[in-house]
N, C-alpha and C. Protein backbone atom coordinates (compact mmCIF):
# COMPACT_ATOMS: atom_id res chain seq x y z
N MET A 1 0.85 -1.19 0.00
CA MET A 1 0.00 0.00 0.00
C MET A 1 0.88 1.24 0.00
N ILE A 2 0.41 2.30 -0.66
CA ILE A 2 1.15 3.54 -0.77
C ILE A 2 0.56 4.56 0.21
N HIS A 3 1.42 5.18 1.00
CA HIS A 3 1.00 6.16 1.99
C HIS A 3 1.61 7.51 1.66
N LEU A 4 0.81 8.58 1.76
CA LEU A 4 1.29 9.93 1.60
C LEU A 4 1.49 10.55 2.97
N VAL A 5 2.70 11.05 3.20
CA VAL A 5 3.04 11.63 4.50
C VAL A 5 3.32 13.11 4.31
N THR A 6 2.63 13.93 5.08
CA THR A 6 2.77 15.38 5.03
C THR A 6 3.04 15.92 6.42
N ALA A 7 3.20 17.24 6.52
CA ALA A 7 3.38 17.85 7.84
C ALA A 7 2.18 17.58 8.74
N ALA A 8 1.01 17.38 8.13
CA ALA A 8 -0.22 17.19 8.91
C ALA A 8 -0.29 15.83 9.58
N ASN A 9 0.30 14.82 8.96
CA ASN A 9 0.16 13.47 9.53
C ASN A 9 1.51 12.80 9.82
N GLN A 10 2.61 13.55 9.72
CA GLN A 10 3.92 12.94 9.89
C GLN A 10 4.11 12.35 11.28
N HIS A 11 3.41 12.89 12.28
CA HIS A 11 3.52 12.36 13.64
C HIS A 11 3.01 10.92 13.71
N GLN A 12 2.19 10.51 12.75
CA GLN A 12 1.69 9.14 12.72
C GLN A 12 2.65 8.19 12.02
N TYR A 13 3.70 8.73 11.44
CA TYR A 13 4.63 7.92 10.63
C TYR A 13 6.08 8.12 11.08
N ARG A 14 6.31 8.33 12.36
CA ARG A 14 7.67 8.61 12.83
C ARG A 14 8.63 7.47 12.50
N GLU A 15 8.24 6.24 12.81
CA GLU A 15 9.10 5.10 12.54
C GLU A 15 9.29 4.89 11.04
N GLU A 16 8.21 5.02 10.29
CA GLU A 16 8.29 4.82 8.85
C GLU A 16 9.15 5.90 8.18
N MET A 17 9.06 7.15 8.65
CA MET A 17 9.89 8.20 8.07
C MET A 17 11.36 7.99 8.42
N ASP A 18 11.64 7.48 9.60
CA ASP A 18 13.03 7.16 9.93
C ASP A 18 13.56 6.10 8.96
N GLN A 19 12.73 5.11 8.65
CA GLN A 19 13.14 4.11 7.66
C GLN A 19 13.35 4.75 6.28
N ALA A 20 12.49 5.71 5.95
CA ALA A 20 12.59 6.37 4.64
C ALA A 20 13.90 7.16 4.53
N TRP A 21 14.26 7.91 5.60
CA TRP A 21 15.53 8.65 5.56
C TRP A 21 16.71 7.69 5.39
N ARG A 22 16.65 6.56 6.05
CA ARG A 22 17.74 5.59 5.97
C ARG A 22 17.78 4.90 4.60
N LEU A 23 16.60 4.67 4.02
CA LEU A 23 16.56 4.11 2.66
C LEU A 23 17.18 5.09 1.68
N ARG A 24 16.86 6.35 1.81
CA ARG A 24 17.46 7.37 0.94
C ARG A 24 18.98 7.38 1.08
N HIS A 25 19.47 7.30 2.30
CA HIS A 25 20.92 7.29 2.53
C HIS A 25 21.55 6.05 1.89
N ALA A 26 20.90 4.91 2.06
CA ALA A 26 21.43 3.67 1.50
C ALA A 26 21.53 3.73 -0.02
N VAL A 27 20.51 4.30 -0.66
CA VAL A 27 20.46 4.33 -2.12
C VAL A 27 21.35 5.43 -2.69
N PHE A 28 21.19 6.65 -2.20
CA PHE A 28 21.85 7.78 -2.84
C PHE A 28 23.28 8.01 -2.37
N VAL A 29 23.57 7.69 -1.12
CA VAL A 29 24.93 7.88 -0.61
C VAL A 29 25.76 6.60 -0.76
N GLU A 30 25.24 5.49 -0.21
CA GLU A 30 26.03 4.27 -0.18
C GLU A 30 26.11 3.59 -1.54
N GLU A 31 25.02 3.60 -2.31
CA GLU A 31 25.03 2.93 -3.62
C GLU A 31 25.49 3.86 -4.74
N LYS A 32 24.88 5.04 -4.82
CA LYS A 32 25.20 5.95 -5.91
C LYS A 32 26.47 6.76 -5.66
N GLY A 33 26.89 6.82 -4.42
CA GLY A 33 28.13 7.52 -4.12
C GLY A 33 28.01 9.04 -4.05
N TRP A 34 26.80 9.55 -3.77
CA TRP A 34 26.62 11.00 -3.66
C TRP A 34 27.10 11.42 -2.27
N SER A 35 28.42 11.52 -2.12
CA SER A 35 29.03 11.72 -0.81
C SER A 35 28.64 13.05 -0.18
N ASP A 36 28.25 14.03 -0.98
CA ASP A 36 27.85 15.33 -0.41
C ASP A 36 26.61 15.20 0.47
N LEU A 37 25.85 14.12 0.27
CA LEU A 37 24.62 13.91 1.04
C LEU A 37 24.84 13.06 2.28
N ALA A 38 26.06 12.58 2.48
CA ALA A 38 26.33 11.66 3.59
C ALA A 38 26.08 12.33 4.94
N LYS A 39 25.46 11.59 5.83
CA LYS A 39 25.19 12.07 7.19
C LYS A 39 25.70 11.05 8.20
N PRO A 40 26.28 11.50 9.30
CA PRO A 40 26.82 10.57 10.30
C PRO A 40 25.79 9.60 10.85
N ASP A 41 24.53 10.04 10.92
CA ASP A 41 23.50 9.17 11.50
C ASP A 41 22.86 8.24 10.47
N GLY A 42 23.33 8.30 9.19
CA GLY A 42 22.80 7.42 8.18
C GLY A 42 21.40 7.77 7.73
N ARG A 43 20.97 9.02 7.92
CA ARG A 43 19.64 9.47 7.51
C ARG A 43 19.82 10.62 6.53
N GLU A 44 19.42 10.43 5.28
CA GLU A 44 19.61 11.44 4.25
C GLU A 44 18.41 12.38 4.24
N ILE A 45 18.64 13.59 4.75
CA ILE A 45 17.62 14.63 4.81
C ILE A 45 18.24 15.90 4.25
N ASP A 46 17.55 16.59 3.36
CA ASP A 46 18.13 17.80 2.77
C ASP A 46 17.27 19.03 3.05
N GLN A 47 17.67 20.15 2.45
CA GLN A 47 17.02 21.44 2.74
C GLN A 47 15.60 21.52 2.18
N PHE A 48 15.23 20.56 1.33
CA PHE A 48 13.88 20.60 0.75
C PHE A 48 12.88 19.73 1.51
N ASP A 49 13.35 19.06 2.54
CA ASP A 49 12.44 18.24 3.36
C ASP A 49 11.76 19.12 4.40
N THR A 50 10.97 20.04 3.91
CA THR A 50 10.26 20.99 4.74
C THR A 50 8.81 20.56 4.92
N ALA A 51 8.04 21.40 5.58
CA ALA A 51 6.63 21.10 5.78
C ALA A 51 5.86 21.08 4.47
N ALA A 52 6.45 21.67 3.40
CA ALA A 52 5.76 21.70 2.11
C ALA A 52 5.93 20.41 1.32
N ALA A 53 6.89 19.57 1.69
CA ALA A 53 7.17 18.35 0.95
C ALA A 53 6.10 17.29 1.22
N ILE A 54 5.86 16.46 0.21
CA ILE A 54 5.00 15.29 0.36
C ILE A 54 5.87 14.06 0.16
N HIS A 55 5.85 13.17 1.13
CA HIS A 55 6.64 11.94 1.07
C HIS A 55 5.72 10.78 0.72
N ILE A 56 6.11 10.01 -0.28
CA ILE A 56 5.30 8.88 -0.73
C ILE A 56 6.02 7.60 -0.33
N LEU A 57 5.39 6.80 0.51
CA LEU A 57 6.01 5.60 1.05
C LEU A 57 5.29 4.35 0.56
N ALA A 58 6.07 3.39 0.09
CA ALA A 58 5.54 2.05 -0.17
C ALA A 58 5.85 1.21 1.07
N ILE A 59 4.82 0.76 1.74
CA ILE A 59 4.99 0.04 3.01
C ILE A 59 4.45 -1.37 2.88
N GLU A 60 5.26 -2.32 3.29
CA GLU A 60 4.86 -3.73 3.26
C GLU A 60 5.17 -4.35 4.61
N GLU A 61 4.14 -4.77 5.31
CA GLU A 61 4.28 -5.41 6.62
C GLU A 61 5.11 -4.54 7.56
N GLY A 62 4.82 -3.25 7.56
CA GLY A 62 5.48 -2.33 8.47
C GLY A 62 6.84 -1.86 8.03
N ARG A 63 7.29 -2.30 6.88
CA ARG A 63 8.62 -1.93 6.39
C ARG A 63 8.49 -1.04 5.16
N VAL A 64 9.27 0.04 5.14
CA VAL A 64 9.30 0.93 3.98
C VAL A 64 10.19 0.31 2.91
N ILE A 65 9.58 -0.06 1.78
CA ILE A 65 10.33 -0.72 0.70
C ILE A 65 10.51 0.19 -0.51
N GLY A 66 9.88 1.37 -0.48
CA GLY A 66 10.03 2.30 -1.59
C GLY A 66 9.68 3.70 -1.14
N TYR A 67 10.26 4.68 -1.84
CA TYR A 67 10.09 6.07 -1.44
C TYR A 67 10.14 6.99 -2.65
N SER A 68 9.34 8.05 -2.63
CA SER A 68 9.44 9.16 -3.57
C SER A 68 9.09 10.43 -2.82
N ARG A 69 9.46 11.57 -3.42
CA ARG A 69 9.13 12.85 -2.80
C ARG A 69 8.58 13.81 -3.85
N LEU A 70 7.59 14.59 -3.45
CA LEU A 70 7.04 15.65 -4.28
C LEU A 70 7.30 16.99 -3.62
N LEU A 71 7.73 17.96 -4.43
CA LEU A 71 7.96 19.32 -3.95
C LEU A 71 7.16 20.29 -4.79
N PRO A 72 6.48 21.25 -4.17
CA PRO A 72 5.74 22.25 -4.94
C PRO A 72 6.71 23.18 -5.67
N THR A 73 6.44 23.43 -6.93
CA THR A 73 7.33 24.32 -7.70
C THR A 73 7.09 25.78 -7.38
N THR A 74 6.08 26.07 -6.57
CA THR A 74 5.85 27.44 -6.12
C THR A 74 6.77 27.82 -4.97
N ARG A 75 7.56 26.85 -4.49
CA ARG A 75 8.54 27.06 -3.43
C ARG A 75 9.90 26.59 -3.93
N PRO A 76 10.98 26.87 -3.18
CA PRO A 76 12.29 26.37 -3.60
C PRO A 76 12.29 24.86 -3.78
N HIS A 77 12.92 24.40 -4.86
CA HIS A 77 13.03 22.96 -5.13
C HIS A 77 14.35 22.73 -5.87
N LEU A 78 14.63 21.49 -6.22
CA LEU A 78 15.94 21.15 -6.79
C LEU A 78 16.23 21.92 -8.07
N LEU A 79 15.29 21.93 -8.99
CA LEU A 79 15.55 22.58 -10.27
C LEU A 79 15.74 24.08 -10.09
N SER A 80 15.00 24.69 -9.21
CA SER A 80 15.10 26.14 -9.04
C SER A 80 16.36 26.56 -8.29
N ASP A 81 16.78 25.76 -7.28
CA ASP A 81 17.83 26.22 -6.38
C ASP A 81 19.16 25.47 -6.51
N VAL A 82 19.15 24.28 -7.07
CA VAL A 82 20.38 23.49 -7.15
C VAL A 82 20.82 23.22 -8.59
N LEU A 83 19.85 22.95 -9.47
CA LEU A 83 20.18 22.57 -10.85
C LEU A 83 19.52 23.48 -11.89
N PRO A 84 19.52 24.79 -11.69
CA PRO A 84 18.86 25.67 -12.66
C PRO A 84 19.50 25.64 -14.04
N GLN A 85 20.76 25.21 -14.11
CA GLN A 85 21.46 25.15 -15.40
C GLN A 85 20.85 24.12 -16.35
N LEU A 86 20.00 23.23 -15.82
CA LEU A 86 19.35 22.23 -16.68
C LEU A 86 18.15 22.78 -17.43
N CYS A 87 17.73 23.98 -17.05
CA CYS A 87 16.56 24.58 -17.69
C CYS A 87 17.01 25.80 -18.49
N GLU A 88 16.81 25.78 -19.81
CA GLU A 88 17.28 26.85 -20.67
C GLU A 88 16.29 28.00 -20.80
N GLY A 89 15.06 27.78 -20.42
CA GLY A 89 14.05 28.84 -20.50
C GLY A 89 13.49 29.16 -19.14
N GLU A 90 12.26 29.56 -19.11
CA GLU A 90 11.60 29.88 -17.86
C GLU A 90 11.32 28.61 -17.07
N LEU A 91 11.59 28.67 -15.78
CA LEU A 91 11.33 27.51 -14.93
C LEU A 91 9.84 27.19 -14.90
N PRO A 92 9.47 25.93 -15.07
CA PRO A 92 8.05 25.56 -14.96
C PRO A 92 7.59 25.65 -13.52
N ARG A 93 6.61 26.46 -13.28
CA ARG A 93 6.08 26.64 -11.93
C ARG A 93 4.57 26.68 -11.98
N GLY A 94 3.96 26.43 -10.84
CA GLY A 94 2.51 26.54 -10.76
C GLY A 94 1.94 25.54 -9.78
N HIS A 95 0.73 25.80 -9.34
CA HIS A 95 0.08 24.88 -8.40
C HIS A 95 -0.25 23.54 -9.04
N ASP A 96 -0.25 23.48 -10.38
CA ASP A 96 -0.51 22.22 -11.08
C ASP A 96 0.76 21.49 -11.45
N THR A 97 1.91 21.97 -10.97
CA THR A 97 3.21 21.42 -11.36
C THR A 97 4.04 21.14 -10.11
N TRP A 98 4.40 19.87 -9.90
CA TRP A 98 5.19 19.48 -8.73
C TRP A 98 6.45 18.75 -9.19
N GLU A 99 7.52 18.92 -8.43
CA GLU A 99 8.78 18.24 -8.74
C GLU A 99 8.82 16.88 -8.08
N TRP A 100 9.19 15.87 -8.87
CA TRP A 100 9.27 14.49 -8.38
C TRP A 100 10.75 14.13 -8.22
N THR A 101 11.16 13.80 -7.00
CA THR A 101 12.57 13.53 -6.73
C THR A 101 12.72 12.34 -5.78
N ARG A 102 13.98 11.94 -5.60
CA ARG A 102 14.39 10.96 -4.59
C ARG A 102 13.66 9.62 -4.70
N GLN A 103 13.46 9.15 -5.91
CA GLN A 103 12.86 7.83 -6.11
C GLN A 103 13.83 6.76 -5.63
N ALA A 104 13.38 5.89 -4.74
CA ALA A 104 14.25 4.86 -4.19
C ALA A 104 13.46 3.60 -3.88
N VAL A 105 14.05 2.46 -4.19
CA VAL A 105 13.43 1.16 -3.89
C VAL A 105 14.46 0.33 -3.13
N ALA A 106 14.02 -0.32 -2.07
CA ALA A 106 14.91 -1.17 -1.28
C ALA A 106 15.52 -2.26 -2.16
N ARG A 107 16.77 -2.55 -1.92
CA ARG A 107 17.48 -3.54 -2.73
C ARG A 107 16.74 -4.88 -2.75
N SER A 108 16.10 -5.23 -1.65
CA SER A 108 15.40 -6.51 -1.55
C SER A 108 14.18 -6.59 -2.45
N HIS A 109 13.72 -5.44 -2.96
CA HIS A 109 12.50 -5.42 -3.77
C HIS A 109 12.73 -4.93 -5.18
N ARG A 110 13.93 -5.09 -5.66
CA ARG A 110 14.23 -4.73 -7.04
C ARG A 110 14.11 -5.98 -7.90
N ALA A 111 13.02 -6.06 -8.62
CA ALA A 111 12.73 -7.25 -9.43
C ALA A 111 13.63 -7.30 -10.64
N ARG A 112 14.30 -8.42 -10.81
CA ARG A 112 15.14 -8.62 -11.99
C ARG A 112 14.33 -9.19 -13.14
N GLY A 113 14.69 -8.80 -14.34
CA GLY A 113 14.04 -9.34 -15.52
C GLY A 113 12.75 -8.64 -15.88
N LYS A 114 12.40 -7.57 -15.14
CA LYS A 114 11.19 -6.82 -15.45
C LYS A 114 11.58 -5.43 -15.93
N ALA A 115 10.84 -4.94 -16.94
CA ALA A 115 11.16 -3.64 -17.52
C ALA A 115 10.97 -2.53 -16.50
N VAL A 116 9.93 -2.66 -15.67
CA VAL A 116 9.63 -1.65 -14.66
C VAL A 116 9.44 -2.33 -13.31
N ASN A 117 10.10 -1.81 -12.31
CA ASN A 117 9.99 -2.39 -10.98
C ASN A 117 8.57 -2.20 -10.43
N PRO A 118 7.95 -3.25 -9.90
CA PRO A 118 6.58 -3.14 -9.38
C PRO A 118 6.42 -2.10 -8.29
N VAL A 119 7.42 -1.95 -7.42
CA VAL A 119 7.34 -0.95 -6.36
C VAL A 119 7.37 0.45 -6.97
N SER A 120 8.22 0.65 -7.96
CA SER A 120 8.28 1.95 -8.64
C SER A 120 6.96 2.27 -9.31
N LEU A 121 6.35 1.28 -9.94
CA LEU A 121 5.05 1.48 -10.59
C LEU A 121 3.99 1.86 -9.56
N ALA A 122 4.02 1.23 -8.40
CA ALA A 122 3.03 1.53 -7.36
C ALA A 122 3.24 2.95 -6.82
N LEU A 123 4.49 3.33 -6.59
CA LEU A 123 4.77 4.69 -6.11
C LEU A 123 4.27 5.73 -7.11
N LEU A 124 4.59 5.51 -8.38
CA LEU A 124 4.18 6.47 -9.40
C LEU A 124 2.66 6.48 -9.57
N SER A 125 2.03 5.33 -9.45
CA SER A 125 0.57 5.28 -9.51
C SER A 125 -0.04 6.10 -8.38
N GLY A 126 0.54 5.99 -7.19
CA GLY A 126 0.05 6.76 -6.06
C GLY A 126 0.19 8.25 -6.29
N ILE A 127 1.32 8.66 -6.88
CA ILE A 127 1.53 10.07 -7.19
C ILE A 127 0.46 10.57 -8.15
N LEU A 128 0.16 9.79 -9.18
CA LEU A 128 -0.85 10.20 -10.16
C LEU A 128 -2.25 10.21 -9.55
N GLU A 129 -2.55 9.23 -8.70
CA GLU A 129 -3.86 9.21 -8.06
C GLU A 129 -4.04 10.47 -7.21
N TRP A 130 -3.02 10.83 -6.44
CA TRP A 130 -3.09 12.05 -5.64
C TRP A 130 -3.16 13.28 -6.55
N GLY A 131 -2.32 13.32 -7.56
CA GLY A 131 -2.28 14.48 -8.43
C GLY A 131 -3.60 14.75 -9.13
N MET A 132 -4.20 13.71 -9.67
CA MET A 132 -5.44 13.88 -10.42
C MET A 132 -6.59 14.28 -9.50
N ALA A 133 -6.49 13.94 -8.23
CA ALA A 133 -7.53 14.33 -7.27
C ALA A 133 -7.33 15.75 -6.77
N ASN A 134 -6.16 16.34 -7.07
CA ASN A 134 -5.82 17.64 -6.50
C ASN A 134 -5.42 18.68 -7.54
N GLY A 135 -5.79 18.46 -8.78
CA GLY A 135 -5.53 19.45 -9.80
C GLY A 135 -4.11 19.53 -10.29
N VAL A 136 -3.32 18.53 -10.02
CA VAL A 136 -1.93 18.49 -10.51
C VAL A 136 -1.93 17.74 -11.84
N ARG A 137 -1.26 18.29 -12.84
CA ARG A 137 -1.25 17.67 -14.16
C ARG A 137 0.15 17.50 -14.74
N ARG A 138 1.17 17.96 -14.01
CA ARG A 138 2.51 17.94 -14.60
C ARG A 138 3.56 17.73 -13.51
N LEU A 139 4.56 16.90 -13.82
CA LEU A 139 5.70 16.67 -12.94
C LEU A 139 6.95 17.27 -13.56
N VAL A 140 7.86 17.71 -12.72
CA VAL A 140 9.19 18.14 -13.14
C VAL A 140 10.18 17.08 -12.69
N LEU A 141 11.04 16.64 -13.61
CA LEU A 141 11.99 15.56 -13.33
C LEU A 141 13.40 15.99 -13.70
N GLN A 142 14.38 15.46 -12.98
CA GLN A 142 15.77 15.48 -13.42
C GLN A 142 16.23 14.03 -13.41
N MET A 143 16.72 13.55 -14.53
CA MET A 143 16.96 12.11 -14.66
C MET A 143 18.05 11.84 -15.69
N PRO A 144 18.66 10.65 -15.64
CA PRO A 144 19.58 10.26 -16.71
C PRO A 144 18.87 10.33 -18.06
N THR A 145 19.58 10.80 -19.07
CA THR A 145 18.97 11.04 -20.38
C THR A 145 18.27 9.81 -20.93
N LEU A 146 18.83 8.63 -20.71
CA LEU A 146 18.24 7.41 -21.25
C LEU A 146 16.86 7.13 -20.68
N TYR A 147 16.53 7.71 -19.53
CA TYR A 147 15.23 7.45 -18.91
C TYR A 147 14.11 8.20 -19.62
N LEU A 148 14.46 9.20 -20.44
CA LEU A 148 13.42 10.03 -21.05
C LEU A 148 12.49 9.18 -21.92
N LEU A 149 13.05 8.26 -22.70
CA LEU A 149 12.22 7.37 -23.52
C LEU A 149 11.32 6.53 -22.65
N HIS A 150 11.84 6.08 -21.54
CA HIS A 150 11.04 5.25 -20.63
C HIS A 150 9.84 6.03 -20.11
N VAL A 151 10.03 7.31 -19.80
CA VAL A 151 8.92 8.15 -19.33
C VAL A 151 7.83 8.24 -20.40
N VAL A 152 8.25 8.40 -21.65
CA VAL A 152 7.28 8.46 -22.76
C VAL A 152 6.56 7.13 -22.90
N GLN A 153 7.27 6.03 -22.72
CA GLN A 153 6.65 4.72 -22.84
C GLN A 153 5.60 4.48 -21.75
N LEU A 154 5.69 5.21 -20.65
CA LEU A 154 4.69 5.13 -19.59
C LEU A 154 3.49 6.04 -19.88
N HIS A 155 3.49 6.63 -21.06
CA HIS A 155 2.39 7.47 -21.55
C HIS A 155 2.31 8.83 -20.85
N PHE A 156 3.48 9.35 -20.44
CA PHE A 156 3.59 10.75 -20.07
C PHE A 156 3.91 11.54 -21.33
N ARG A 157 3.49 12.79 -21.37
CA ARG A 157 3.87 13.68 -22.46
C ARG A 157 5.07 14.49 -21.96
N ALA A 158 6.24 14.00 -22.29
CA ALA A 158 7.48 14.57 -21.75
C ALA A 158 8.05 15.63 -22.68
N ARG A 159 8.61 16.67 -22.06
CA ARG A 159 9.23 17.74 -22.83
C ARG A 159 10.55 18.14 -22.15
N PRO A 160 11.68 17.96 -22.84
CA PRO A 160 12.96 18.39 -22.26
C PRO A 160 12.98 19.89 -22.02
N LEU A 161 13.64 20.30 -20.96
CA LEU A 161 13.76 21.71 -20.63
C LEU A 161 15.09 22.31 -21.05
N GLY A 162 16.00 21.46 -21.50
CA GLY A 162 17.31 21.92 -21.94
C GLY A 162 18.13 20.74 -22.41
N LEU A 163 19.39 20.98 -22.72
CA LEU A 163 20.28 19.91 -23.16
C LEU A 163 20.82 19.13 -21.95
N PRO A 164 21.16 17.86 -22.15
CA PRO A 164 21.74 17.08 -21.05
C PRO A 164 23.07 17.68 -20.59
N GLN A 165 23.36 17.50 -19.31
CA GLN A 165 24.63 17.94 -18.75
C GLN A 165 25.19 16.85 -17.87
N SER A 166 26.51 16.78 -17.79
CA SER A 166 27.15 15.77 -16.96
C SER A 166 27.16 16.22 -15.51
N ILE A 167 26.54 15.42 -14.65
CA ILE A 167 26.47 15.71 -13.23
C ILE A 167 26.83 14.43 -12.48
N SER A 168 27.87 14.50 -11.68
CA SER A 168 28.34 13.34 -10.90
C SER A 168 28.57 12.13 -11.79
N GLY A 169 29.10 12.37 -12.99
CA GLY A 169 29.43 11.27 -13.88
C GLY A 169 28.29 10.73 -14.71
N GLU A 170 27.09 11.33 -14.60
CA GLU A 170 25.94 10.89 -15.38
C GLU A 170 25.44 12.02 -16.27
N GLU A 171 24.91 11.65 -17.44
CA GLU A 171 24.27 12.63 -18.31
C GLU A 171 22.84 12.84 -17.81
N ILE A 172 22.56 14.03 -17.29
CA ILE A 172 21.29 14.32 -16.66
C ILE A 172 20.52 15.35 -17.50
N ILE A 173 19.23 15.11 -17.64
CA ILE A 173 18.37 16.04 -18.36
C ILE A 173 17.17 16.40 -17.47
N ALA A 174 16.71 17.63 -17.59
CA ALA A 174 15.49 18.04 -16.90
C ALA A 174 14.34 18.03 -17.89
N ALA A 175 13.17 17.66 -17.43
CA ALA A 175 12.00 17.59 -18.32
C ALA A 175 10.74 17.78 -17.50
N THR A 176 9.69 18.18 -18.19
CA THR A 176 8.35 18.12 -17.60
C THR A 176 7.66 16.89 -18.16
N ALA A 177 6.73 16.34 -17.39
CA ALA A 177 5.99 15.15 -17.80
C ALA A 177 4.53 15.35 -17.44
N GLU A 178 3.71 15.66 -18.44
CA GLU A 178 2.28 15.83 -18.22
C GLU A 178 1.59 14.46 -18.20
N PHE A 179 0.52 14.37 -17.42
CA PHE A 179 -0.19 13.09 -17.30
C PHE A 179 -1.69 13.32 -17.23
N ASP A 180 -2.43 12.24 -17.48
CA ASP A 180 -3.89 12.27 -17.36
C ASP A 180 -4.37 10.85 -17.11
N GLU A 181 -5.65 10.61 -17.32
CA GLU A 181 -6.23 9.30 -17.05
C GLU A 181 -5.56 8.19 -17.86
N ARG A 182 -5.12 8.53 -19.06
CA ARG A 182 -4.48 7.52 -19.91
C ARG A 182 -3.14 7.07 -19.33
N THR A 183 -2.43 8.01 -18.70
CA THR A 183 -1.15 7.65 -18.07
C THR A 183 -1.39 6.69 -16.91
N LEU A 184 -2.37 7.02 -16.07
CA LEU A 184 -2.68 6.15 -14.94
C LEU A 184 -3.15 4.78 -15.42
N ALA A 185 -3.94 4.75 -16.50
CA ALA A 185 -4.39 3.48 -17.05
C ALA A 185 -3.21 2.65 -17.53
N ARG A 186 -2.23 3.30 -18.11
CA ARG A 186 -1.02 2.59 -18.57
C ARG A 186 -0.27 1.99 -17.39
N LEU A 187 -0.12 2.75 -16.31
CA LEU A 187 0.57 2.23 -15.13
C LEU A 187 -0.17 1.04 -14.53
N ARG A 188 -1.50 1.16 -14.49
CA ARG A 188 -2.29 0.06 -13.92
C ARG A 188 -2.23 -1.17 -14.81
N SER A 189 -2.15 -0.97 -16.10
CA SER A 189 -2.02 -2.10 -17.02
C SER A 189 -0.69 -2.81 -16.80
N LEU A 190 0.38 -2.05 -16.63
CA LEU A 190 1.69 -2.65 -16.40
C LEU A 190 1.75 -3.36 -15.06
N ARG A 191 1.02 -2.82 -14.08
CA ARG A 191 0.96 -3.47 -12.77
C ARG A 191 0.08 -4.71 -12.80
N GLY A 192 -0.84 -4.79 -13.78
CA GLY A 192 -1.78 -5.90 -13.83
C GLY A 192 -2.83 -5.81 -12.76
N ASP A 193 -3.14 -4.58 -12.32
CA ASP A 193 -4.09 -4.38 -11.23
C ASP A 193 -4.71 -2.99 -11.41
N SER A 194 -6.02 -2.92 -11.56
CA SER A 194 -6.69 -1.64 -11.78
C SER A 194 -7.15 -0.96 -10.50
N ARG A 195 -6.88 -1.57 -9.35
CA ARG A 195 -7.32 -0.98 -8.09
C ARG A 195 -6.41 0.18 -7.68
N PRO A 196 -6.97 1.18 -6.97
CA PRO A 196 -6.13 2.28 -6.45
C PRO A 196 -5.08 1.73 -5.49
N VAL A 197 -3.95 2.43 -5.42
CA VAL A 197 -2.86 1.98 -4.54
C VAL A 197 -2.76 2.80 -3.26
N LEU A 198 -3.37 4.00 -3.23
CA LEU A 198 -3.25 4.85 -2.06
C LEU A 198 -4.02 4.28 -0.88
N ALA A 199 -3.40 4.37 0.29
CA ALA A 199 -4.09 3.96 1.51
C ALA A 199 -5.34 4.80 1.67
N PRO A 200 -6.44 4.22 2.15
CA PRO A 200 -7.72 4.94 2.23
C PRO A 200 -7.65 6.22 3.06
N SER A 201 -6.72 6.30 4.01
CA SER A 201 -6.67 7.46 4.90
C SER A 201 -5.74 8.55 4.42
N TYR A 202 -5.30 8.47 3.16
CA TYR A 202 -4.33 9.48 2.73
C TYR A 202 -4.97 10.87 2.77
N PRO A 203 -4.15 11.90 3.07
CA PRO A 203 -4.71 13.25 3.22
C PRO A 203 -5.11 13.83 1.87
N HIS A 204 -6.30 14.38 1.80
CA HIS A 204 -6.75 15.07 0.59
C HIS A 204 -6.29 16.51 0.69
N LEU A 205 -5.24 16.83 -0.05
CA LEU A 205 -4.61 18.15 0.07
C LEU A 205 -5.00 19.02 -1.10
N ALA A 206 -5.22 20.27 -0.84
CA ALA A 206 -5.38 21.24 -1.93
C ALA A 206 -3.98 21.57 -2.43
N ALA A 207 -3.71 21.26 -3.70
CA ALA A 207 -2.35 21.45 -4.22
C ALA A 207 -2.08 22.95 -4.31
């Protein structure tokens, strides 16, 4: 099940959020080698983990097995404050546009031999379910250039914001990805399950 954690309900997810910070550290610091994010306590938390952030958790039997984060583009976010060089024109902003970052799946749940990881599909499905219920229609992404085709194959309408640039040894591109009911239908088809993934108690937020 996918849970959305906000400033309003984070007190109900203290243990799960601690697991999420540690999962982020394991993936981005220990695996990817992003040493600038290393923390002595093994919990990767940055300047954008404010009350405005939405944390998306995939939880299985009390364990956080996947994580994503959404940041409102009306406030400081990665593209605006850290990677503005990836955008050659005006930064995409608006209440209908949120930045999707920090996608992480526990090593134990990375399915081999599948084009798309089931946990990743569930996390993204949850993001779209929340977005479509709250007037959000577009995501901002920074990703390896090769992933852009994959985003299109998931039936997002992707648009690059600039040319790729080398960051930490990877060719990274920024893009917007618009979505609608057809995108969610595509994700559900790939999952083989048309049921909603969001936990029934998720907060209904005005974006």
